[in-house]
Amino acid sequence: MRPSAPAALGPLLLLGLLLLPGEATQKPTPCQGCRELVDKFNQGMVDTAKKNFGGGNTAWEEKSLSKYEFSEVRLLEIVEGLCGSSDFECNRLVEEHEELLEAWWLRLKKEHPDLFEWFCVKTLKVCCSPGTYGPDCRACQGGAARPCSGNGRCSGDGSREGDGTCQCHPGYRGALCTDCVDGYFSALRNATHSVCTACNESCKTCSGPTNRDCAQCEVGWAEEDGACVDVDECARPEKACARTGENCYNTPGSYVCVCPEGFEETEDACVPAQPAGGEVAEEATEEVTEEDAVRPPTREDL
C-alpha cells in the first residue's frame, strides 16, 4: 500500500532539518583551518608571555622566565587553550599534528620563527605565502610583492586554490587592474603604480576632477560654456511631473515629483489626504491651490 503524503514526507523533512546546521556553518577550507589554528596558537603565546611573574627578585624572574619561555609546560598551556570542546575541526587538527607543533616549539622555532609559513605553507602544504596561489604557489598577476598592481585581489591569494586572475577594486579594470573604468580618470600612472580617481558627478567620462574636465556629460547634465551643468528638468516647457497638482523639485542630475503637504498621490493626481476616521476634512476638499503647489516638501519626502 502506498504511504500517505504526510507519512512519506516525514523522513525527508527530518533529514532536511538535520542537514540545515551543516549548511549554515560550512566547513572551512584546509588553509582556513590551518590559519585559524596558527592564529589561536600565536594568541596563546601572547596570553602566556611572562605569565605568573609580576615583581620581586628581578634576576630570579629573568632566569625562571627564560626557562618557562621555551618550556613544555608553556606549550601544554597553549595547546590546551587552542580549541573549544565543540570545535571539531580545530580539535582534529591539533590531534593529527600535535607532534609537529611540539617539534616546532622545542627545536625549530628559532630557525623558522613564522609558524604559519613553516606549518601551513611548507610542512602541511595547504596554504601559500601571501602574493602566491594554486597547487604550486605561483606568483599572482603583477608579482607576489604587489599583486594586481595593488588595485585588486588575486584569486586564490595565500591558498592552494584559485587561478591567479585579478578581481579589481572599484574604479579599476584590466588584467593587472591598471586601467580606469568610465566615471574615473587616471590621476597617476608610472611603471609601478596606477591610481584612478572618481570623476565629478556631472561627468560620464573625464580627464580630471572638475566639471570642466568632462569628455562626456552624465545623464541629467548638459554641456554649457565648456562645462557640464545640471539640467533643471522642472524649468523645461514640457511638464516633468505627470500627476495633476504635483510639485517638481530639481536635484543634481535629476528631479523629484512630490504632492503638496496635506495631499496624497493617486495614479493620476494629488488629492486631499483623509484624516483619521476615513472622512475627508472639510478644509482639504478644495482643489490644490497655488500656495499648496509651491510649498516645499519635507526632507523625508525628498
C-alpha atoms as a PDB file:
ATOM      1  CA  MET A   1       0.000   0.000   0.000  1.00  0.00           C
ATOM      2  CA  ARG A   2       1.419   3.424  -0.945  1.00  0.00           C
ATOM      3  CA  PRO A   3       2.068   5.579   2.149  1.00  0.00           C
ATOM      4  CA  SER A   4       0.090   8.742   2.610  1.00  0.00           C
ATOM      5  CA  ALA A   5       1.732  12.059   1.707  1.00  0.00           C
ATOM      6  CA  PRO A   6       2.452  13.127   5.316  1.00  0.00           C
ATOM      7  CA  ALA A   7       3.997   9.760   6.155  1.00  0.00           C
ATOM      8  CA  ALA A   8       6.206   9.872   3.057  1.00  0.00           C
ATOM      9  CA  LEU A   9       7.352  13.436   3.710  1.00  0.00           C
ATOM     10  CA  GLY A  10       8.160  12.861   7.362  1.00  0.00           C
ATOM     11  CA  PRO A  11      11.600  11.244   6.933  1.00  0.00           C
ATOM     12  CA  LEU A  12      12.531  13.770   4.245  1.00  0.00           C
ATOM     13  CA  LEU A  13      11.646  16.707   6.479  1.00  0.00           C
ATOM     14  CA  LEU A  14      13.643  15.189   9.325  1.00  0.00           C
ATOM     15  CA  LEU A  15      16.641  14.715   7.043  1.00  0.00           C
ATOM     16  CA  GLY A  16      16.376  18.311   5.894  1.00  0.00           C
ATOM     17  CA  LEU A  17      16.333  19.593   9.462  1.00  0.00           C
ATOM     18  CA  LEU A  18      19.407  17.536  10.285  1.00  0.00           C
ATOM     19  CA  LEU A  19      21.275  18.942   7.288  1.00  0.00           C
ATOM     20  CA  LEU A  20      20.475  22.602   7.934  1.00  0.00           C
ATOM     21  CA  PRO A  21      23.077  23.236  10.684  1.00  0.00           C
ATOM     22  CA  GLY A  22      25.840  21.802   8.490  1.00  0.00           C
ATOM     23  CA  GLU A  23      24.813  24.032   5.597  1.00  0.00           C
ATOM     24  CA  ALA A  24      24.646  27.105   7.812  1.00  0.00           C
ATOM     25  CA  THR A  25      28.188  26.543   9.145  1.00  0.00           C
ATOM     26  CA  GLN A  26      30.247  25.486   6.174  1.00  0.00           C
ATOM     27  CA  LYS A  27      33.416  23.535   6.824  1.00  0.00           C
ATOM     28  CA  PRO A  28      36.489  25.769   6.414  1.00  0.00           C
ATOM     29  CA  THR A  29      38.994  25.032   3.676  1.00  0.00           C
ATOM     30  CA  PRO A  30      42.210  23.266   4.780  1.00  0.00           C
ATOM     31  CA  CYS A  31      44.070  26.571   4.529  1.00  0.00           C
ATOM     32  CA  GLN A  32      41.444  28.460   6.551  1.00  0.00           C
ATOM     33  CA  GLY A  33      41.502  25.777   9.247  1.00  0.00           C
ATOM     34  CA  CYS A  34      45.288  25.856   9.436  1.00  0.00           C
ATOM     35  CA  ARG A  35      45.431  29.645   9.505  1.00  0.00           C
ATOM     36  CA  GLU A  36      42.835  29.815  12.283  1.00  0.00           C
ATOM     37  CA  LEU A  37      44.798  27.264  14.338  1.00  0.00           C
ATOM     38  CA  VAL A  38      48.027  29.250  13.921  1.00  0.00           C
ATOM     39  CA  ASP A  39      46.232  32.483  14.885  1.00  0.00           C
ATOM     40  CA  LYS A  40      44.984  30.801  18.070  1.00  0.00           C
ATOM     41  CA  PHE A  41      48.455  29.435  18.796  1.00  0.00           C
ATOM     42  CA  ASN A  42      50.016  32.886  18.368  1.00  0.00           C
ATOM     43  CA  GLN A  43      47.358  34.377  20.643  1.00  0.00           C
ATOM     44  CA  GLY A  44      48.168  31.658  23.183  1.00  0.00           C
ATOM     45  CA  MET A  45      51.809  32.749  23.074  1.00  0.00           C
ATOM     46  CA  VAL A  46      50.727  36.322  23.796  1.00  0.00           C
ATOM     47  CA  ASP A  47      48.442  35.233  26.643  1.00  0.00           C
ATOM     48  CA  THR A  48      51.161  33.142  28.309  1.00  0.00           C
ATOM     49  CA  ALA A  49      54.002  35.641  27.862  1.00  0.00           C
ATOM     50  CA  LYS A  50      55.525  36.467  31.268  1.00  0.00           C
ATOM     51  CA  LYS A  51      52.737  34.537  32.944  1.00  0.00           C
ATOM     52  CA  ASN A  52      52.930  34.183  36.738  1.00  0.00           C
ATOM     53  CA  PHE A  53      55.663  36.810  37.001  1.00  0.00           C
ATOM     54  CA  GLY A  54      54.920  40.234  38.367  1.00  0.00           C
ATOM     55  CA  GLY A  55      57.554  41.732  40.644  1.00  0.00           C
ATOM     56  CA  GLY A  56      60.092  40.661  43.216  1.00  0.00           C
ATOM     57  CA  ASN A  57      63.575  39.355  42.574  1.00  0.00           C
ATOM     58  CA  THR A  58      64.315  40.548  39.025  1.00  0.00           C
ATOM     59  CA  ALA A  59      67.336  38.301  38.483  1.00  0.00           C
ATOM     60  CA  TRP A  60      65.396  35.243  39.664  1.00  0.00           C
ATOM     61  CA  GLU A  61      62.425  36.200  37.486  1.00  0.00           C
ATOM     62  CA  GLU A  62      64.593  36.567  34.392  1.00  0.00           C
ATOM     63  CA  LYS A  63      66.204  33.184  34.966  1.00  0.00           C
ATOM     64  CA  SER A  64      62.888  31.454  35.650  1.00  0.00           C
ATOM     65  CA  LEU A  65      61.137  33.288  32.814  1.00  0.00           C
ATOM     66  CA  SER A  66      63.799  32.162  30.366  1.00  0.00           C
ATOM     67  CA  LYS A  67      63.163  28.553  31.349  1.00  0.00           C
ATOM     68  CA  TYR A  68      59.387  28.939  31.111  1.00  0.00           C
ATOM     69  CA  GLU A  69      59.500  30.774  27.761  1.00  0.00           C
ATOM     70  CA  PHE A  70      60.603  27.673  25.827  1.00  0.00           C
ATOM     71  CA  SER A  71      59.292  25.019  28.194  1.00  0.00           C
ATOM     72  CA  GLU A  72      56.937  22.126  27.538  1.00  0.00           C
ATOM     73  CA  VAL A  73      54.818  23.473  30.385  1.00  0.00           C
ATOM     74  CA  ARG A  74      54.088  26.646  28.418  1.00  0.00           C
ATOM     75  CA  LEU A  75      53.481  24.631  25.237  1.00  0.00           C
ATOM     76  CA  LEU A  76      50.940  22.489  27.091  1.00  0.00           C
ATOM     77  CA  GLU A  77      49.144  25.584  28.377  1.00  0.00           C
ATOM     78  CA  ILE A  78      48.944  26.985  24.837  1.00  0.00           C
ATOM     79  CA  VAL A  79      47.730  23.723  23.271  1.00  0.00           C
ATOM     80  CA  GLU A  80      45.097  23.160  25.962  1.00  0.00           C
ATOM     81  CA  GLY A  81      43.594  26.568  25.223  1.00  0.00           C
ATOM     82  CA  LEU A  82      43.519  26.247  21.428  1.00  0.00           C
ATOM     83  CA  CYS A  83      40.111  24.673  20.822  1.00  0.00           C
ATOM     84  CA  GLY A  84      36.688  24.774  22.389  1.00  0.00           C
ATOM     85  CA  SER A  85      35.064  21.454  23.210  1.00  0.00           C
ATOM     86  CA  SER A  86      32.589  21.831  20.327  1.00  0.00           C
ATOM     87  CA  ASP A  87      35.174  22.945  17.739  1.00  0.00           C
ATOM     88  CA  PHE A  88      35.561  19.602  15.985  1.00  0.00           C
ATOM     89  CA  GLU A  89      37.803  20.810  13.146  1.00  0.00           C
ATOM     90  CA  CYS A  90      40.228  22.571  15.488  1.00  0.00           C
ATOM     91  CA  ASN A  91      40.458  19.553  17.793  1.00  0.00           C
ATOM     92  CA  ARG A  92      41.030  17.269  14.803  1.00  0.00           C
ATOM     93  CA  LEU A  93      43.908  19.392  13.542  1.00  0.00           C
ATOM     94  CA  VAL A  94      45.568  19.509  16.954  1.00  0.00           C
ATOM     95  CA  GLU A  95      45.209  15.746  17.436  1.00  0.00           C
ATOM     96  CA  GLU A  96      46.658  14.996  13.993  1.00  0.00           C
ATOM     97  CA  HIS A  97      49.539  17.456  14.145  1.00  0.00           C
ATOM     98  CA  GLU A  98      50.388  17.873  17.825  1.00  0.00           C
ATOM     99  CA  GLU A  99      53.822  16.263  17.291  1.00  0.00           C
ATOM    100  CA  LEU A 100      54.626  18.790  14.552  1.00  0.00           C
ATOM    101  CA  LEU A 101      53.657  21.711  16.789  1.00  0.00           C
ATOM    102  CA  GLU A 102      55.799  20.240  19.589  1.00  0.00           C
ATOM    103  CA  ALA A 103      58.778  19.808  17.237  1.00  0.00           C
ATOM    104  CA  TRP A 104      58.476  23.419  16.076  1.00  0.00           C
ATOM    105  CA  TRP A 105      58.208  24.691  19.632  1.00  0.00           C
ATOM    106  CA  LEU A 106      61.133  22.730  21.055  1.00  0.00           C
ATOM    107  CA  ARG A 107      63.589  22.558  18.134  1.00  0.00           C
ATOM    108  CA  LEU A 108      62.609  24.612  15.067  1.00  0.00           C
ATOM    109  CA  LYS A 109      61.178  27.854  16.419  1.00  0.00           C
ATOM    110  CA  LYS A 110      64.432  29.855  16.187  1.00  0.00           C
ATOM    111  CA  GLU A 111      65.200  28.672  12.650  1.00  0.00           C
ATOM    112  CA  HIS A 112      61.582  29.140  11.479  1.00  0.00           C
ATOM    113  CA  PRO A 113      60.036  31.933  13.607  1.00  0.00           C
ATOM    114  CA  ASP A 114      56.940  32.262  11.362  1.00  0.00           C
ATOM    115  CA  LEU A 115      54.704  29.371  12.454  1.00  0.00           C
ATOM    116  CA  PHE A 116      52.212  29.934   9.635  1.00  0.00           C
ATOM    117  CA  GLU A 117      54.886  29.797   6.935  1.00  0.00           C
ATOM    118  CA  TRP A 118      56.534  26.688   8.416  1.00  0.00           C
ATOM    119  CA  PHE A 119      53.396  24.798   9.455  1.00  0.00           C
ATOM    120  CA  CYS A 120      50.713  25.708   6.864  1.00  0.00           C
ATOM    121  CA  VAL A 121      52.818  26.538   3.802  1.00  0.00           C
ATOM    122  CA  LYS A 122      55.983  24.408   3.903  1.00  0.00           C
ATOM    123  CA  THR A 123      55.008  21.424   6.068  1.00  0.00           C
ATOM    124  CA  LEU A 124      51.286  20.711   5.565  1.00  0.00           C
ATOM    125  CA  LYS A 125      51.267  22.492   2.180  1.00  0.00           C
ATOM    126  CA  VAL A 126      47.645  23.608   2.497  1.00  0.00           C
ATOM    127  CA  CYS A 127      48.372  27.340   2.113  1.00  0.00           C
ATOM    128  CA  CYS A 128      50.654  29.568   0.061  1.00  0.00           C
ATOM    129  CA  SER A 129      52.681  32.606   1.054  1.00  0.00           C
ATOM    130  CA  PRO A 130      50.971  35.990   0.502  1.00  0.00           C
ATOM    131  CA  GLY A 131      51.000  37.019  -3.145  1.00  0.00           C
ATOM    132  CA  THR A 132      51.043  33.447  -4.466  1.00  0.00           C
ATOM    133  CA  TYR A 133      48.281  30.976  -5.313  1.00  0.00           C
ATOM    134  CA  GLY A 134      47.351  27.493  -6.530  1.00  0.00           C
ATOM    135  CA  PRO A 135      48.798  23.996  -6.028  1.00  0.00           C
ATOM    136  CA  ASP A 136      52.341  25.166  -6.859  1.00  0.00           C
ATOM    137  CA  CYS A 137      52.107  28.560  -5.113  1.00  0.00           C
ATOM    138  CA  ARG A 138      52.799  30.579  -8.259  1.00  0.00           C
ATOM    139  CA  ALA A 139      53.158  34.360  -8.119  1.00  0.00           C
ATOM    140  CA  CYS A 140      49.935  36.309  -8.642  1.00  0.00           C
ATOM    141  CA  GLN A 141      49.393  38.573 -11.655  1.00  0.00           C
ATOM    142  CA  GLY A 142      51.590  41.627 -11.183  1.00  0.00           C
ATOM    143  CA  GLY A 143      54.041  39.765  -8.917  1.00  0.00           C
ATOM    144  CA  ALA A 144      53.915  38.467  -5.350  1.00  0.00           C
ATOM    145  CA  ALA A 145      55.068  41.786  -3.856  1.00  0.00           C
ATOM    146  CA  ARG A 146      52.132  43.833  -5.269  1.00  0.00           C
ATOM    147  CA  PRO A 147      49.502  41.521  -6.740  1.00  0.00           C
ATOM    148  CA  CYS A 148      47.189  43.191  -9.254  1.00  0.00           C
ATOM    149  CA  SER A 149      49.233  46.408  -9.005  1.00  0.00           C
ATOM    150  CA  GLY A 150      47.800  46.917  -5.520  1.00  0.00           C
ATOM    151  CA  ASN A 151      44.409  47.724  -7.069  1.00  0.00           C
ATOM    152  CA  GLY A 152      42.697  44.349  -6.790  1.00  0.00           C
ATOM    153  CA  ARG A 153      42.655  40.916  -5.214  1.00  0.00           C
ATOM    154  CA  CYS A 154      44.418  37.901  -6.681  1.00  0.00           C
ATOM    155  CA  SER A 155      42.089  34.890  -6.973  1.00  0.00           C
ATOM    156  CA  GLY A 156      43.401  32.260  -4.536  1.00  0.00           C
ATOM    157  CA  ASP A 157      45.939  34.600  -2.911  1.00  0.00           C
ATOM    158  CA  GLY A 158      47.552  32.791   0.010  1.00  0.00           C
ATOM    159  CA  SER A 159      45.820  29.480  -0.665  1.00  0.00           C
ATOM    160  CA  ARG A 160      46.330  26.402  -2.837  1.00  0.00           C
ATOM    161  CA  GLU A 161      43.210  27.394  -4.764  1.00  0.00           C
ATOM    162  CA  GLY A 162      42.175  29.976  -7.393  1.00  0.00           C
ATOM    163  CA  ASP A 163      43.576  30.818 -10.814  1.00  0.00           C
ATOM    164  CA  GLY A 164      45.590  33.940 -10.019  1.00  0.00           C
ATOM    165  CA  THR A 165      43.402  36.321 -12.028  1.00  0.00           C
ATOM    166  CA  CYS A 166      42.815  39.812 -10.691  1.00  0.00           C
ATOM    167  CA  GLN A 167      39.488  40.885  -9.196  1.00  0.00           C
ATOM    168  CA  CYS A 168      39.828  44.665  -9.463  1.00  0.00           C
ATOM    169  CA  HIS A 169      38.747  47.202  -6.843  1.00  0.00           C
ATOM    170  CA  PRO A 170      36.011  49.708  -7.819  1.00  0.00           C
ATOM    171  CA  GLY A 171      37.272  52.145 -10.442  1.00  0.00           C
ATOM    172  CA  TYR A 172      39.841  49.776 -11.962  1.00  0.00           C
ATOM    173  CA  ARG A 173      39.841  47.263 -14.805  1.00  0.00           C
ATOM    174  CA  GLY A 174      42.263  45.276 -16.951  1.00  0.00           C
ATOM    175  CA  ALA A 175      44.339  42.143 -16.431  1.00  0.00           C
ATOM    176  CA  LEU A 176      46.549  43.931 -13.892  1.00  0.00           C
ATOM    177  CA  CYS A 177      43.947  46.473 -12.658  1.00  0.00           C
ATOM    178  CA  THR A 178      45.913  49.406 -14.097  1.00  0.00           C
ATOM    179  CA  ASP A 179      43.191  50.933 -16.307  1.00  0.00           C
ATOM    180  CA  CYS A 180      40.302  53.168 -15.196  1.00  0.00           C
ATOM    181  CA  VAL A 181      36.617  52.401 -15.789  1.00  0.00           C
ATOM    182  CA  ASP A 182      34.148  55.038 -17.008  1.00  0.00           C
ATOM    183  CA  GLY A 183      33.499  57.584 -14.276  1.00  0.00           C
ATOM    184  CA  TYR A 184      37.160  57.556 -13.168  1.00  0.00           C
ATOM    185  CA  PHE A 185      40.297  59.221 -14.520  1.00  0.00           C
ATOM    186  CA  SER A 186      43.990  58.364 -14.252  1.00  0.00           C
ATOM    187  CA  ALA A 187      45.445  60.577 -11.506  1.00  0.00           C
ATOM    188  CA  LEU A 188      48.818  58.770 -11.508  1.00  0.00           C
ATOM    189  CA  ARG A 189      50.398  56.272 -13.877  1.00  0.00           C
ATOM    190  CA  ASN A 190      54.013  55.089 -13.937  1.00  0.00           C
ATOM    191  CA  ALA A 191      55.959  51.838 -14.237  1.00  0.00           C
ATOM    192  CA  THR A 192      54.894  50.597 -10.789  1.00  0.00           C
ATOM    193  CA  HIS A 193      51.713  52.425  -9.763  1.00  0.00           C
ATOM    194  CA  SER A 194      48.339  53.343 -11.236  1.00  0.00           C
ATOM    195  CA  VAL A 195      45.806  55.480  -9.376  1.00  0.00           C
ATOM    196  CA  CYS A 196      42.236  56.020 -10.638  1.00  0.00           C
ATOM    197  CA  THR A 197      40.134  58.809  -9.088  1.00  0.00           C
ATOM    198  CA  ALA A 198      36.387  59.370  -9.404  1.00  0.00           C
ATOM    199  CA  CYS A 199      35.202  61.994 -11.892  1.00  0.00           C
ATOM    200  CA  ASN A 200      32.995  64.906 -10.955  1.00  0.00           C
ATOM    201  CA  GLU A 201      29.370  63.750 -10.572  1.00  0.00           C
ATOM    202  CA  SER A 202      28.443  65.620 -13.759  1.00  0.00           C
ATOM    203  CA  CYS A 203      30.839  63.561 -15.920  1.00  0.00           C
ATOM    204  CA  LYS A 204      30.252  60.172 -17.525  1.00  0.00           C
ATOM    205  CA  THR A 205      33.889  60.117 -18.694  1.00  0.00           C
ATOM    206  CA  CYS A 206      36.586  62.623 -17.828  1.00  0.00           C
ATOM    207  CA  SER A 207      40.263  63.536 -17.791  1.00  0.00           C
ATOM    208  CA  GLY A 208      40.281  65.390 -14.466  1.00  0.00           C
ATOM    209  CA  PRO A 209      38.360  66.132 -11.249  1.00  0.00           C
ATOM    210  CA  THR A 210      36.168  69.126 -12.214  1.00  0.00           C
ATOM    211  CA  ASN A 211      33.035  69.579 -14.307  1.00  0.00           C
ATOM    212  CA  ARG A 212      35.226  71.233 -16.950  1.00  0.00           C
ATOM    213  CA  ASP A 213      37.234  68.034 -17.407  1.00  0.00           C
ATOM    214  CA  CYS A 214      34.301  66.007 -18.722  1.00  0.00           C
ATOM    215  CA  ALA A 215      34.724  64.233 -22.036  1.00  0.00           C
ATOM    216  CA  GLN A 216      31.014  63.317 -21.878  1.00  0.00           C
ATOM    217  CA  CYS A 217      28.291  64.621 -19.585  1.00  0.00           C
ATOM    218  CA  GLU A 218      26.351  62.264 -17.337  1.00  0.00           C
ATOM    219  CA  VAL A 219      22.585  61.838 -17.810  1.00  0.00           C
ATOM    220  CA  GLY A 220      20.795  64.846 -16.278  1.00  0.00           C
ATOM    221  CA  TRP A 221      23.692  67.182 -17.085  1.00  0.00           C
ATOM    222  CA  ALA A 222      24.432  69.170 -20.263  1.00  0.00           C
ATOM    223  CA  GLU A 223      27.495  70.900 -21.728  1.00  0.00           C
ATOM    224  CA  GLU A 224      27.407  74.673 -21.350  1.00  0.00           C
ATOM    225  CA  ASP A 225      30.361  77.051 -21.857  1.00  0.00           C
ATOM    226  CA  GLY A 226      32.860  74.198 -21.677  1.00  0.00           C
ATOM    227  CA  ALA A 227      31.441  72.592 -18.528  1.00  0.00           C
ATOM    228  CA  CYS A 228      28.753  70.060 -17.640  1.00  0.00           C
ATOM    229  CA  VAL A 229      25.969  71.783 -15.706  1.00  0.00           C
ATOM    230  CA  ASP A 230      22.819  70.431 -14.106  1.00  0.00           C
ATOM    231  CA  VAL A 231      19.734  70.367 -16.275  1.00  0.00           C
ATOM    232  CA  ASP A 232      16.715  71.886 -14.472  1.00  0.00           C
ATOM    233  CA  GLU A 233      14.023  69.474 -15.623  1.00  0.00           C
ATOM    234  CA  CYS A 234      11.414  71.387 -13.629  1.00  0.00           C
ATOM    235  CA  ALA A 235      12.005  74.591 -15.790  1.00  0.00           C
ATOM    236  CA  ARG A 236      11.517  72.962 -19.416  1.00  0.00           C
ATOM    237  CA  PRO A 237       8.365  73.835 -21.359  1.00  0.00           C
ATOM    238  CA  GLU A 238       7.293  70.197 -21.222  1.00  0.00           C
ATOM    239  CA  LYS A 239       5.879  69.311 -17.809  1.00  0.00           C
ATOM    240  CA  ALA A 240       8.211  66.923 -15.950  1.00  0.00           C
ATOM    241  CA  CYS A 241       5.680  65.609 -13.411  1.00  0.00           C
ATOM    242  CA  ALA A 242       2.720  63.672 -14.797  1.00  0.00           C
ATOM    243  CA  ARG A 243       0.214  63.881 -11.916  1.00  0.00           C
ATOM    244  CA  THR A 244      -2.178  66.814 -11.586  1.00  0.00           C
ATOM    245  CA  GLY A 245      -1.171  69.167  -8.777  1.00  0.00           C
ATOM    246  CA  GLU A 246       2.235  67.561  -8.267  1.00  0.00           C
ATOM    247  CA  ASN A 247       5.255  69.739  -7.414  1.00  0.00           C
ATOM    248  CA  CYS A 248       8.564  69.338  -9.265  1.00  0.00           C
ATOM    249  CA  TYR A 249      11.861  69.798  -7.401  1.00  0.00           C
ATOM    250  CA  ASN A 250      15.202  69.844  -9.204  1.00  0.00           C
ATOM    251  CA  THR A 251      18.043  67.730  -7.786  1.00  0.00           C
ATOM    252  CA  PRO A 252      21.657  67.350  -9.038  1.00  0.00           C
ATOM    253  CA  GLY A 253      21.362  65.377 -12.259  1.00  0.00           C
ATOM    254  CA  SER A 254      17.675  64.569 -11.775  1.00  0.00           C
ATOM    255  CA  TYR A 255      14.395  65.738 -10.212  1.00  0.00           C
ATOM    256  CA  VAL A 256      11.633  64.518  -7.880  1.00  0.00           C
ATOM    257  CA  CYS A 257       7.860  64.861  -8.022  1.00  0.00           C
ATOM    258  CA  VAL A 258       6.059  65.313  -4.687  1.00  0.00           C
ATOM    259  CA  CYS A 259       2.461  66.061  -3.730  1.00  0.00           C
ATOM    260  CA  PRO A 260       1.971  69.205  -1.565  1.00  0.00           C
ATOM    261  CA  GLU A 261       1.635  68.827   2.198  1.00  0.00           C
ATOM    262  CA  GLY A 262      -1.865  67.656   3.120  1.00  0.00           C
ATOM    263  CA  PHE A 263      -2.306  65.817  -0.174  1.00  0.00           C
ATOM    264  CA  GLU A 264      -1.620  62.243  -1.209  1.00  0.00           C
ATOM    265  CA  GLU A 265      -0.826  60.780  -4.589  1.00  0.00           C
ATOM    266  CA  THR A 266      -3.104  58.639  -6.683  1.00  0.00           C
ATOM    267  CA  GLU A 267      -2.434  57.205 -10.106  1.00  0.00           C
ATOM    268  CA  ASP A 268      -3.017  60.493 -11.934  1.00  0.00           C
ATOM    269  CA  ALA A 269      -3.411  63.297  -9.366  1.00  0.00           C
ATOM    270  CA  CYS A 270      -2.669  64.667  -5.913  1.00  0.00           C
ATOM    271  CA  VAL A 271      -5.861  64.525  -3.812  1.00  0.00           C
ATOM    272  CA  PRO A 272      -6.645  65.796  -0.299  1.00  0.00           C
ATOM    273  CA  ALA A 273      -5.409  63.393   2.351  1.00  0.00           C
ATOM    274  CA  GLN A 274      -8.002  61.726   4.570  1.00  0.00           C
ATOM    275  CA  PRO A 275      -7.665  62.307   8.329  1.00  0.00           C
ATOM    276  CA  ALA A 276      -8.016  59.510  10.878  1.00  0.00           C
ATOM    277  CA  GLY A 277     -11.553  58.117  10.704  1.00  0.00           C
ATOM    278  CA  GLY A 278     -11.681  57.992   6.913  1.00  0.00           C
ATOM    279  CA  GLU A 279     -13.588  61.244   6.221  1.00  0.00           C
ATOM    280  CA  VAL A 280     -12.072  63.978   4.098  1.00  0.00           C
ATOM    281  CA  ALA A 281     -11.510  67.104   6.144  1.00  0.00           C
ATOM    282  CA  GLU A 282     -13.756  69.994   5.051  1.00  0.00           C
ATOM    283  CA  GLU A 283     -10.869  72.405   4.588  1.00  0.00           C
ATOM    284  CA  ALA A 284      -8.984  69.878   2.419  1.00  0.00           C
ATOM    285  CA  THR A 285     -11.720  69.194  -0.115  1.00  0.00           C
ATOM    286  CA  GLU A 286     -10.807  72.042  -2.431  1.00  0.00           C
ATOM    287  CA  GLU A 287      -8.531  71.696  -5.437  1.00  0.00           C
ATOM    288  CA  VAL A 288      -4.768  72.131  -4.993  1.00  0.00           C
ATOM    289  CA  THR A 289      -4.175  75.856  -4.534  1.00  0.00           C
ATOM    290  CA  GLU A 290      -1.269  77.854  -5.913  1.00  0.00           C
ATOM    291  CA  GLU A 291       0.119  78.156  -2.370  1.00  0.00           C
ATOM    292  CA  ASP A 292      -0.004  74.372  -1.969  1.00  0.00           C
ATOM    293  CA  ALA A 293       1.707  73.867  -5.304  1.00  0.00           C
ATOM    294  CA  VAL A 294       4.839  75.808  -4.294  1.00  0.00           C
ATOM    295  CA  ARG A 295       5.066  74.552  -0.713  1.00  0.00           C
ATOM    296  CA  PRO A 296       8.416  72.678  -0.401  1.00  0.00           C
ATOM    297  CA  PRO A 297       8.351  69.052   0.727  1.00  0.00           C
ATOM    298  CA  THR A 298       9.890  67.825   3.954  1.00  0.00           C
ATOM    299  CA  ARG A 299      13.368  66.238   3.945  1.00  0.00           C
ATOM    300  CA  GLU A 300      11.766  62.809   4.357  1.00  0.00           C
ATOM    301  CA  ASP A 301       9.655  63.341   1.214  1.00  0.00           C
ATOM    302  CA  LEU A 302      12.760  64.019  -0.854  1.00  0.00           C
END
